[in-house]
């Protein structure tokens, strides 16, 4: 698939929050998180169905060396990132929050 990574406003807000939390813990760790997420989204553009189907039509990719999941929907124009979430929370709460963000 060719295309682009499209971030929803809510997903961008999630990413900013986790970036700030990482930077508060240790300078530079937020940058490392962004680099891992960028690599993951580049891979998803090439292989949009590589991450497991989470709840139709949403797929979830676990970000390496973190407790975060990237939730997205593959489309013809690219991948739509709808959330970045802490996977350590209650699964039912997570499901409700992420599914509410579907366009």
PDB file of N, CA and C in Angstrom:
ATOM      1  N   UNK A   1       0.856  -1.169   0.000  1.00  0.00           N
ATOM      2  CA  UNK A   1       0.000   0.000   0.000  1.00  0.00           C
ATOM      3  C   UNK A   1       0.899   1.228   0.000  1.00  0.00           C
ATOM      4  N   UNK A   2       0.557   2.141  -0.836  1.00  0.00           N
ATOM      5  CA  UNK A   2       1.213   3.441  -0.754  1.00  0.00           C
ATOM      6  C   UNK A   2       0.201   4.400  -0.170  1.00  0.00           C
ATOM      7  N   UNK A   3       0.671   5.461   0.293  1.00  0.00           N
ATOM      8  CA  UNK A   3      -0.243   6.423   0.894  1.00  0.00           C
ATOM      9  C   UNK A   3       0.455   7.186   1.980  1.00  0.00           C
ATOM     10  N   UNK A   4      -0.331   7.610   2.928  1.00  0.00           N
ATOM     11  CA  UNK A   4       0.216   8.434   3.987  1.00  0.00           C
ATOM     12  C   UNK A   4      -0.331   7.997   5.341  1.00  0.00           C
ATOM     13  N   UNK A   5       0.349   8.462   6.363  1.00  0.00           N
ATOM     14  CA  UNK A   5      -0.122   8.244   7.720  1.00  0.00           C
ATOM     15  C   UNK A   5      -0.946   9.471   8.088  1.00  0.00           C
ATOM     16  N   UNK A   6      -2.209   9.254   8.407  1.00  0.00           N
ATOM     17  CA  UNK A   6      -3.108  10.341   8.767  1.00  0.00           C
ATOM     18  C   UNK A   6      -3.428  10.210  10.249  1.00  0.00           C
ATOM     19  N   UNK A   7      -3.054  11.220  11.000  1.00  0.00           N
ATOM     20  CA  UNK A   7      -3.288  11.230  12.444  1.00  0.00           C
ATOM     21  C   UNK A   7      -4.561  12.005  12.736  1.00  0.00           C
ATOM     22  N   UNK A   8      -5.464  11.397  13.481  1.00  0.00           N
ATOM     23  CA  UNK A   8      -6.626  12.147  13.939  1.00  0.00           C
ATOM     24  C   UNK A   8      -6.160  13.111  15.028  1.00  0.00           C
ATOM     25  N   UNK A   9      -6.993  14.111  15.266  1.00  0.00           N
ATOM     26  CA  UNK A   9      -6.659  15.081  16.299  1.00  0.00           C
ATOM     27  C   UNK A   9      -6.471  14.374  17.644  1.00  0.00           C
ATOM     28  N   UNK A  10      -7.348  13.444  17.969  1.00  0.00           N
ATOM     29  CA  UNK A  10      -7.278  12.743  19.259  1.00  0.00           C
ATOM     30  C   UNK A  10      -5.998  11.918  19.372  1.00  0.00           C
ATOM     31  N   UNK A  11      -5.592  11.262  18.286  1.00  0.00           N
ATOM     32  CA  UNK A  11      -4.366  10.463  18.316  1.00  0.00           C
ATOM     33  C   UNK A  11      -3.142  11.356  18.488  1.00  0.00           C
ATOM     34  N   UNK A  12      -3.144  12.523  17.849  1.00  0.00           N
ATOM     35  CA  UNK A  12      -2.044  13.469  18.037  1.00  0.00           C
ATOM     36  C   UNK A  12      -1.957  13.923  19.491  1.00  0.00           C
ATOM     37  N   UNK A  13      -3.109  14.169  20.092  1.00  0.00           N
ATOM     38  CA  UNK A  13      -3.135  14.571  21.509  1.00  0.00           C
ATOM     39  C   UNK A  13      -2.583  13.453  22.391  1.00  0.00           C
ATOM     40  N   UNK A  14      -2.944  12.211  22.083  1.00  0.00           N
ATOM     41  CA  UNK A  14      -2.401  11.062  22.828  1.00  0.00           C
ATOM     42  C   UNK A  14      -0.880  11.048  22.738  1.00  0.00           C
ATOM     43  N   UNK A  15      -0.381  11.189  21.521  1.00  0.00           N
ATOM     44  CA  UNK A  15       1.058  11.122  21.299  1.00  0.00           C
ATOM     45  C   UNK A  15       1.784  12.240  22.043  1.00  0.00           C
ATOM     46  N   UNK A  16       1.231  13.433  22.021  1.00  0.00           N
ATOM     47  CA  UNK A  16       1.845  14.543  22.749  1.00  0.00           C
ATOM     48  C   UNK A  16       1.893  14.260  24.245  1.00  0.00           C
ATOM     49  N   UNK A  17       0.825  13.679  24.765  1.00  0.00           N
ATOM     50  CA  UNK A  17       0.779  13.345  26.196  1.00  0.00           C
ATOM     51  C   UNK A  17       1.873  12.346  26.562  1.00  0.00           C
ATOM     52  N   UNK A  18       2.006  11.270  25.769  1.00  0.00           N
ATOM     53  CA  UNK A  18       3.011  10.251  26.085  1.00  0.00           C
ATOM     54  C   UNK A  18       4.432  10.777  25.867  1.00  0.00           C
ATOM     55  N   UNK A  19       4.600  11.629  24.871  1.00  0.00           N
ATOM     56  CA  UNK A  19       5.902  12.259  24.657  1.00  0.00           C
ATOM     57  C   UNK A  19       6.299  13.054  25.905  1.00  0.00           C
ATOM     58  N   UNK A  20       5.379  13.884  26.395  1.00  0.00           N
ATOM     59  CA  UNK A  20       5.657  14.714  27.579  1.00  0.00           C
ATOM     60  C   UNK A  20       5.954  13.846  28.798  1.00  0.00           C
ATOM     61  N   UNK A  21       5.196  12.766  28.986  1.00  0.00           N
ATOM     62  CA  UNK A  21       5.445  11.879  30.124  1.00  0.00           C
ATOM     63  C   UNK A  21       6.842  11.266  30.048  1.00  0.00           C
ATOM     64  N   UNK A  22       7.241  10.833  28.853  1.00  0.00           N
ATOM     65  CA  UNK A  22       8.575  10.247  28.683  1.00  0.00           C
ATOM     66  C   UNK A  22       9.660  11.277  28.976  1.00  0.00           C
ATOM     67  N   UNK A  23       9.480  12.475  28.450  1.00  0.00           N
ATOM     68  CA  UNK A  23      10.471  13.536  28.663  1.00  0.00           C
ATOM     69  C   UNK A  23      10.557  13.934  30.129  1.00  0.00           C
ATOM     70  N   UNK A  24       9.437  13.892  30.850  1.00  0.00           N
ATOM     71  CA  UNK A  24       9.449  14.200  32.286  1.00  0.00           C
ATOM     72  C   UNK A  24      10.283  13.184  33.055  1.00  0.00           C
ATOM     73  N   UNK A  25      10.233  11.929  32.617  1.00  0.00           N
ATOM     74  CA  UNK A  25      11.000  10.880  33.293  1.00  0.00           C
ATOM     75  C   UNK A  25      12.486  10.974  32.970  1.00  0.00           C
ATOM     76  N   UNK A  26      12.787  11.216  31.673  1.00  0.00           N
ATOM     77  CA  UNK A  26      14.197  11.268  31.265  1.00  0.00           C
ATOM     78  C   UNK A  26      14.306  12.056  29.964  1.00  0.00           C
ATOM     79  N   UNK A  27      15.190  13.049  29.955  1.00  0.00           N
ATOM     80  CA  UNK A  27      15.399  13.847  28.747  1.00  0.00           C
ATOM     81  C   UNK A  27      15.793  12.938  27.582  1.00  0.00           C
ATOM     82  N   UNK A  28      15.171  13.166  26.447  1.00  0.00           N
ATOM     83  CA  UNK A  28      15.500  12.401  25.243  1.00  0.00           C
ATOM     84  C   UNK A  28      14.654  11.159  25.040  1.00  0.00           C
ATOM     85  N   UNK A  29      14.001  10.683  26.090  1.00  0.00           N
ATOM     86  CA  UNK A  29      13.218   9.447  25.934  1.00  0.00           C
ATOM     87  C   UNK A  29      11.966   9.672  25.087  1.00  0.00           C
ATOM     88  N   UNK A  30      11.450  10.883  25.085  1.00  0.00           N
ATOM     89  CA  UNK A  30      10.308  11.190  24.229  1.00  0.00           C
ATOM     90  C   UNK A  30      10.681  11.109  22.764  1.00  0.00           C
ATOM     91  N   UNK A  31      11.892  11.585  22.450  1.00  0.00           N
ATOM     92  CA  UNK A  31      12.386  11.518  21.066  1.00  0.00           C
ATOM     93  C   UNK A  31      12.518  10.057  20.637  1.00  0.00           C
ATOM     94  N   UNK A  32      13.021   9.218  21.519  1.00  0.00           N
ATOM     95  CA  UNK A  32      13.157   7.790  21.198  1.00  0.00           C
ATOM     96  C   UNK A  32      11.784   7.156  20.940  1.00  0.00           C
ATOM     97  N   UNK A  33      10.806   7.555  21.725  1.00  0.00           N
ATOM     98  CA  UNK A  33       9.450   7.054  21.517  1.00  0.00           C
ATOM     99  C   UNK A  33       8.939   7.479  20.136  1.00  0.00           C
ATOM    100  N   UNK A  34       9.121   8.744  19.793  1.00  0.00           N
ATOM    101  CA  UNK A  34       8.679   9.221  18.477  1.00  0.00           C
ATOM    102  C   UNK A  34       9.375   8.476  17.341  1.00  0.00           C
ATOM    103  N   UNK A  35      10.651   8.183  17.510  1.00  0.00           N
ATOM    104  CA  UNK A  35      11.386   7.436  16.486  1.00  0.00           C
ATOM    105  C   UNK A  35      10.816   6.027  16.311  1.00  0.00           C
ATOM    106  N   UNK A  36      10.492   5.363  17.424  1.00  0.00           N
ATOM    107  CA  UNK A  36       9.909   4.014  17.334  1.00  0.00           C
ATOM    108  C   UNK A  36       8.542   4.061  16.654  1.00  0.00           C
ATOM    109  N   UNK A  37       7.758   5.073  16.979  1.00  0.00           N
ATOM    110  CA  UNK A  37       6.430   5.191  16.372  1.00  0.00           C
ATOM    111  C   UNK A  37       6.549   5.518  14.884  1.00  0.00           C
ATOM    112  N   UNK A  38       7.501   6.369  14.528  1.00  0.00           N
ATOM    113  CA  UNK A  38       7.700   6.690  13.114  1.00  0.00           C
ATOM    114  C   UNK A  38       8.095   5.443  12.322  1.00  0.00           C
ATOM    115  N   UNK A  39       9.009   4.651  12.859  1.00  0.00           N
ATOM    116  CA  UNK A  39       9.411   3.413  12.187  1.00  0.00           C
ATOM    117  C   UNK A  39       8.229   2.460  12.051  1.00  0.00           C
ATOM    118  N   UNK A  40       7.418   2.392  13.099  1.00  0.00           N
ATOM    119  CA  UNK A  40       6.250   1.500  13.067  1.00  0.00           C
ATOM    120  C   UNK A  40       5.261   1.946  11.998  1.00  0.00           C
ATOM    121  N   UNK A  41       5.005   3.242  11.902  1.00  0.00           N
ATOM    122  CA  UNK A  41       4.036   3.711  10.902  1.00  0.00           C
ATOM    123  C   UNK A  41       4.580   3.551   9.489  1.00  0.00           C
ATOM    124  N   UNK A  42       5.887   3.709   9.291  1.00  0.00           N
ATOM    125  CA  UNK A  42       6.483   3.467   7.971  1.00  0.00           C
ATOM    126  C   UNK A  42       6.292   2.003   7.568  1.00  0.00           C
ATOM    127  N   UNK A  43       6.480   1.113   8.512  1.00  0.00           N
ATOM    128  CA  UNK A  43       6.274  -0.313   8.246  1.00  0.00           C
ATOM    129  C   UNK A  43       4.801  -0.606   7.934  1.00  0.00           C
ATOM    130  N   UNK A  44       3.913   0.043   8.676  1.00  0.00           N
ATOM    131  CA  UNK A  44       2.482  -0.168   8.433  1.00  0.00           C
ATOM    132  C   UNK A  44       2.049   0.333   7.052  1.00  0.00           C
ATOM    133  N   UNK A  45       2.688   1.368   6.556  1.00  0.00           N
ATOM    134  CA  UNK A  45       2.362   1.827   5.209  1.00  0.00           C
ATOM    135  C   UNK A  45       2.706   0.757   4.176  1.00  0.00           C
ATOM    136  N   UNK A  46       3.781   0.046   4.416  1.00  0.00           N
ATOM    137  CA  UNK A  46       4.185  -1.029   3.491  1.00  0.00           C
ATOM    138  C   UNK A  46       3.354  -2.281   3.686  1.00  0.00           C
ATOM    139  N   UNK A  47       3.006  -2.570   4.940  1.00  0.00           N
ATOM    140  CA  UNK A  47       2.275  -3.791   5.284  1.00  0.00           C
ATOM    141  C   UNK A  47       1.117  -3.445   6.221  1.00  0.00           C
ATOM    142  N   UNK A  48       0.064  -2.854   5.707  1.00  0.00           N
ATOM    143  CA  UNK A  48      -1.004  -2.326   6.573  1.00  0.00           C
ATOM    144  C   UNK A  48      -1.782  -3.382   7.366  1.00  0.00           C
ATOM    145  N   UNK A  49      -1.704  -4.631   6.945  1.00  0.00           N
ATOM    146  CA  UNK A  49      -2.466  -5.676   7.636  1.00  0.00           C
ATOM    147  C   UNK A  49      -1.590  -6.556   8.526  1.00  0.00           C
ATOM    148  N   UNK A  50      -0.366  -6.101   8.780  1.00  0.00           N
ATOM    149  CA  UNK A  50       0.546  -6.913   9.593  1.00  0.00           C
ATOM    150  C   UNK A  50       0.140  -6.954  11.061  1.00  0.00           C
ATOM    151  N   UNK A  51      -0.448  -5.897  11.559  1.00  0.00           N
ATOM    152  CA  UNK A  51      -0.886  -5.873  12.958  1.00  0.00           C
ATOM    153  C   UNK A  51      -2.215  -6.612  13.075  1.00  0.00           C
ATOM    154  N   UNK A  52      -2.400  -7.214  14.205  1.00  0.00           N
ATOM    155  CA  UNK A  52      -3.607  -8.000  14.413  1.00  0.00           C
ATOM    156  C   UNK A  52      -4.881  -7.166  14.419  1.00  0.00           C
ATOM    157  N   UNK A  53      -5.938  -7.774  13.942  1.00  0.00           N
ATOM    158  CA  UNK A  53      -7.253  -7.150  13.995  1.00  0.00           C
ATOM    159  C   UNK A  53      -7.675  -7.108  15.455  1.00  0.00           C
ATOM    160  N   UNK A  54      -7.986  -5.944  15.938  1.00  0.00           N
ATOM    161  CA  UNK A  54      -8.328  -5.770  17.348  1.00  0.00           C
ATOM    162  C   UNK A  54      -9.834  -5.847  17.525  1.00  0.00           C
ATOM    163  N   UNK A  55     -10.551  -4.920  16.965  1.00  0.00           N
ATOM    164  CA  UNK A  55     -12.017  -4.949  16.890  1.00  0.00           C
ATOM    165  C   UNK A  55     -12.355  -4.330  15.544  1.00  0.00           C
ATOM    166  N   UNK A  56     -12.977  -5.096  14.690  1.00  0.00           N
ATOM    167  CA  UNK A  56     -13.278  -4.669  13.315  1.00  0.00           C
ATOM    168  C   UNK A  56     -13.751  -3.226  13.276  1.00  0.00           C
ATOM    169  N   UNK A  57     -13.206  -2.361  12.498  1.00  0.00           N
ATOM    170  CA  UNK A  57     -12.118  -2.469  11.517  1.00  0.00           C
ATOM    171  C   UNK A  57     -10.756  -2.028  12.071  1.00  0.00           C
ATOM    172  N   UNK A  58     -10.652  -1.933  13.385  1.00  0.00           N
ATOM    173  CA  UNK A  58      -9.455  -1.374  14.026  1.00  0.00           C
ATOM    174  C   UNK A  58      -8.377  -2.443  14.203  1.00  0.00           C
ATOM    175  N   UNK A  59      -7.157  -2.057  13.894  1.00  0.00           N
ATOM    176  CA  UNK A  59      -5.997  -2.916  14.127  1.00  0.00           C
ATOM    177  C   UNK A  59      -5.135  -2.278  15.209  1.00  0.00           C
ATOM    178  N   UNK A  60      -4.380  -3.133  15.923  1.00  0.00           N
ATOM    179  CA  UNK A  60      -3.532  -2.640  17.009  1.00  0.00           C
ATOM    180  C   UNK A  60      -2.114  -3.145  16.828  1.00  0.00           C
ATOM    181  N   UNK A  61      -1.181  -2.209  16.892  1.00  0.00           N
ATOM    182  CA  UNK A  61       0.228  -2.546  16.836  1.00  0.00           C
ATOM    183  C   UNK A  61       0.854  -2.145  18.165  1.00  0.00           C
ATOM    184  N   UNK A  62       1.512  -3.082  18.821  1.00  0.00           N
ATOM    185  CA  UNK A  62       2.207  -2.790  20.078  1.00  0.00           C
ATOM    186  C   UNK A  62       3.543  -2.140  19.726  1.00  0.00           C
ATOM    187  N   UNK A  63       3.812  -1.007  20.346  1.00  0.00           N
ATOM    188  CA  UNK A  63       5.048  -0.268  20.088  1.00  0.00           C
ATOM    189  C   UNK A  63       6.180  -0.928  20.879  1.00  0.00           C
ATOM    190  N   UNK A  64       7.267  -1.222  20.173  1.00  0.00           N
ATOM    191  CA  UNK A  64       8.419  -1.886  20.803  1.00  0.00           C
ATOM    192  C   UNK A  64       8.900  -1.143  22.042  1.00  0.00           C
ATOM    193  N   UNK A  65       9.326  -1.916  23.028  1.00  0.00           N
ATOM    194  CA  UNK A  65       9.897  -1.388  24.270  1.00  0.00           C
ATOM    195  C   UNK A  65       9.028  -0.319  24.921  1.00  0.00           C
ATOM    196  N   UNK A  66       7.731  -0.557  24.919  1.00  0.00           N
ATOM    197  CA  UNK A  66       6.824   0.381  25.584  1.00  0.00           C
ATOM    198  C   UNK A  66       5.575  -0.370  26.023  1.00  0.00           C
ATOM    199  N   UNK A  67       4.693   0.338  26.660  1.00  0.00           N
ATOM    200  CA  UNK A  67       3.411  -0.200  27.101  1.00  0.00           C
ATOM    201  C   UNK A  67       2.294   0.390  26.252  1.00  0.00           C
ATOM    202  N   UNK A  68       2.655   0.903  25.075  1.00  0.00           N
ATOM    203  CA  UNK A  68       1.695   1.604  24.229  1.00  0.00           C
ATOM    204  C   UNK A  68       1.248   0.768  23.042  1.00  0.00           C
ATOM    205  N   UNK A  69       0.018   1.006  22.654  1.00  0.00           N
ATOM    206  CA  UNK A  69      -0.520   0.414  21.440  1.00  0.00           C
ATOM    207  C   UNK A  69      -0.927   1.520  20.489  1.00  0.00           C
ATOM    208  N   UNK A  70      -0.674   1.304  19.204  1.00  0.00           N
ATOM    209  CA  UNK A  70      -1.080   2.235  18.165  1.00  0.00           C
ATOM    210  C   UNK A  70      -2.299   1.621  17.481  1.00  0.00           C
ATOM    211  N   UNK A  71      -3.408   2.310  17.526  1.00  0.00           N
ATOM    212  CA  UNK A  71      -4.666   1.816  16.979  1.00  0.00           C
ATOM    213  C   UNK A  71      -4.944   2.548  15.675  1.00  0.00           C
ATOM    214  N   UNK A  72      -5.202   1.794  14.620  1.00  0.00           N
ATOM    215  CA  UNK A  72      -5.343   2.402  13.308  1.00  0.00           C
ATOM    216  C   UNK A  72      -6.323   1.622  12.441  1.00  0.00           C
ATOM    217  N   UNK A  73      -6.734   2.286  11.360  1.00  0.00           N
ATOM    218  CA  UNK A  73      -7.608   1.667  10.372  1.00  0.00           C
ATOM    219  C   UNK A  73      -6.934   1.826   9.014  1.00  0.00           C
ATOM    220  N   UNK A  74      -6.668   0.708   8.310  1.00  0.00           N
ATOM    221  CA  UNK A  74      -6.086   0.829   6.970  1.00  0.00           C
ATOM    222  C   UNK A  74      -7.163   1.237   5.959  1.00  0.00           C
ATOM    223  N   UNK A  75      -6.801   2.176   5.102  1.00  0.00           N
ATOM    224  CA  UNK A  75      -7.693   2.624   4.034  1.00  0.00           C
ATOM    225  C   UNK A  75      -6.885   2.764   2.755  1.00  0.00           C
ATOM    226  N   UNK A  76      -7.548   2.999   1.647  1.00  0.00           N
ATOM    227  CA  UNK A  76      -6.838   3.154   0.368  1.00  0.00           C
ATOM    228  C   UNK A  76      -5.846   4.309   0.389  1.00  0.00           C
ATOM    229  N   UNK A  77      -6.204   5.368   1.060  1.00  0.00           N
ATOM    230  CA  UNK A  77      -5.329   6.545   1.070  1.00  0.00           C
ATOM    231  C   UNK A  77      -4.171   6.410   2.045  1.00  0.00           C
ATOM    232  N   UNK A  78      -4.137   5.366   2.858  1.00  0.00           N
ATOM    233  CA  UNK A  78      -3.065   5.139   3.815  1.00  0.00           C
ATOM    234  C   UNK A  78      -3.609   4.531   5.087  1.00  0.00           C
ATOM    235  N   UNK A  79      -2.974   4.859   6.192  1.00  0.00           N
ATOM    236  CA  UNK A  79      -3.472   4.375   7.479  1.00  0.00           C
ATOM    237  C   UNK A  79      -3.941   5.570   8.301  1.00  0.00           C
ATOM    238  N   UNK A  80      -5.071   5.381   8.973  1.00  0.00           N
ATOM    239  CA  UNK A  80      -5.648   6.419   9.817  1.00  0.00           C
ATOM    240  C   UNK A  80      -5.373   6.024  11.259  1.00  0.00           C
ATOM    241  N   UNK A  81      -4.530   6.780  11.936  1.00  0.00           N
ATOM    242  CA  UNK A  81      -4.221   6.500  13.337  1.00  0.00           C
ATOM    243  C   UNK A  81      -5.299   7.177  14.177  1.00  0.00           C
ATOM    244  N   UNK A  82      -6.017   6.359  14.959  1.00  0.00           N
ATOM    245  CA  UNK A  82      -7.113   6.916  15.744  1.00  0.00           C
ATOM    246  C   UNK A  82      -6.795   7.030  17.234  1.00  0.00           C
ATOM    247  N   UNK A  83      -5.752   6.315  17.692  1.00  0.00           N
ATOM    248  CA  UNK A  83      -5.413   6.404  19.108  1.00  0.00           C
ATOM    249  C   UNK A  83      -4.017   5.839  19.368  1.00  0.00           C
ATOM    250  N   UNK A  84      -3.392   6.374  20.385  1.00  0.00           N
ATOM    251  CA  UNK A  84      -2.204   5.793  20.995  1.00  0.00           C
ATOM    252  C   UNK A  84      -2.595   5.645  22.456  1.00  0.00           C
ATOM    253  N   UNK A  85      -2.551   4.422  22.962  1.00  0.00           N
ATOM    254  CA  UNK A  85      -3.085   4.196  24.308  1.00  0.00           C
ATOM    255  C   UNK A  85      -2.181   3.295  25.140  1.00  0.00           C
ATOM    256  N   UNK A  86      -2.279   3.493  26.445  1.00  0.00           N
ATOM    257  CA  UNK A  86      -1.597   2.671  27.427  1.00  0.00           C
ATOM    258  C   UNK A  86      -2.334   1.334  27.491  1.00  0.00           C
ATOM    259  N   UNK A  87      -1.640   0.256  27.176  1.00  0.00           N
ATOM    260  CA  UNK A  87      -2.266  -1.061  27.127  1.00  0.00           C
ATOM    261  C   UNK A  87      -2.438  -1.689  28.505  1.00  0.00           C
ATOM    262  N   UNK A  88      -1.965  -1.016  29.544  1.00  0.00           N
ATOM    263  CA  UNK A  88      -2.077  -1.575  30.894  1.00  0.00           C
ATOM    264  C   UNK A  88      -3.405  -1.252  31.553  1.00  0.00           C
ATOM    265  N   UNK A  89      -4.274  -0.532  30.886  1.00  0.00           N
ATOM    266  CA  UNK A  89      -5.553  -0.162  31.485  1.00  0.00           C
ATOM    267  C   UNK A  89      -6.599  -1.253  31.278  1.00  0.00           C
ATOM    268  N   UNK A  90      -7.728  -1.071  31.899  1.00  0.00           N
ATOM    269  CA  UNK A  90      -8.828  -2.024  31.802  1.00  0.00           C
ATOM    270  C   UNK A  90      -9.214  -2.237  30.337  1.00  0.00           C
ATOM    271  N   UNK A  91      -9.209  -3.477  29.859  1.00  0.00           N
ATOM    272  CA  UNK A  91      -9.496  -3.740  28.444  1.00  0.00           C
ATOM    273  C   UNK A  91     -10.868  -3.243  27.979  1.00  0.00           C
ATOM    274  N   UNK A  92     -11.865  -3.336  28.819  1.00  0.00           N
ATOM    275  CA  UNK A  92     -13.201  -2.878  28.424  1.00  0.00           C
ATOM    276  C   UNK A  92     -13.243  -1.358  28.279  1.00  0.00           C
ATOM    277  N   UNK A  93     -12.592  -0.671  29.183  1.00  0.00           N
ATOM    278  CA  UNK A  93     -12.517   0.792  29.104  1.00  0.00           C
ATOM    279  C   UNK A  93     -11.756   1.211  27.850  1.00  0.00           C
ATOM    280  N   UNK A  94     -10.659   0.523  27.583  1.00  0.00           N
ATOM    281  CA  UNK A  94      -9.857   0.804  26.399  1.00  0.00           C
ATOM    282  C   UNK A  94     -10.678   0.591  25.128  1.00  0.00           C
ATOM    283  N   UNK A  95     -11.415  -0.506  25.092  1.00  0.00           N
ATOM    284  CA  UNK A  95     -12.241  -0.802  23.920  1.00  0.00           C
ATOM    285  C   UNK A  95     -13.263   0.304  23.677  1.00  0.00           C
ATOM    286  N   UNK A  96     -13.940   0.739  24.726  1.00  0.00           N
ATOM    287  CA  UNK A  96     -14.943   1.797  24.580  1.00  0.00           C
ATOM    288  C   UNK A  96     -14.309   3.107  24.105  1.00  0.00           C
ATOM    289  N   UNK A  97     -13.170   3.456  24.693  1.00  0.00           N
ATOM    290  CA  UNK A  97     -12.512   4.710  24.333  1.00  0.00           C
ATOM    291  C   UNK A  97     -12.053   4.703  22.880  1.00  0.00           C
ATOM    292  N   UNK A  98     -11.383   3.644  22.463  1.00  0.00           N
ATOM    293  CA  UNK A  98     -10.852   3.593  21.108  1.00  0.00           C
ATOM    294  C   UNK A  98     -11.969   3.499  20.078  1.00  0.00           C
ATOM    295  N   UNK A  99     -12.957   2.666  20.315  1.00  0.00           N
ATOM    296  CA  UNK A  99     -14.047   2.523  19.346  1.00  0.00           C
ATOM    297  C   UNK A  99     -14.849   3.817  19.206  1.00  0.00           C
ATOM    298  N   UNK A 100     -14.893   4.622  20.253  1.00  0.00           N
ATOM    299  CA  UNK A 100     -15.640   5.890  20.165  1.00  0.00           C
ATOM    300  C   UNK A 100     -14.961   6.873  19.220  1.00  0.00           C
ATOM    301  N   UNK A 101     -13.729   6.619  18.877  1.00  0.00           N
ATOM    302  CA  UNK A 101     -12.986   7.528  18.007  1.00  0.00           C
ATOM    303  C   UNK A 101     -13.104   7.191  16.520  1.00  0.00           C
ATOM    304  N   UNK A 102     -13.802   6.120  16.214  1.00  0.00           N
ATOM    305  CA  UNK A 102     -13.964   5.785  14.792  1.00  0.00           C
ATOM    306  C   UNK A 102     -14.697   6.913  14.065  1.00  0.00           C
ATOM    307  N   UNK A 103     -14.215   7.240  12.869  1.00  0.00           N
ATOM    308  CA  UNK A 103     -14.885   8.314  12.120  1.00  0.00           C
ATOM    309  C   UNK A 103     -16.291   7.929  11.682  1.00  0.00           C
TER     310      UNK A 103
END
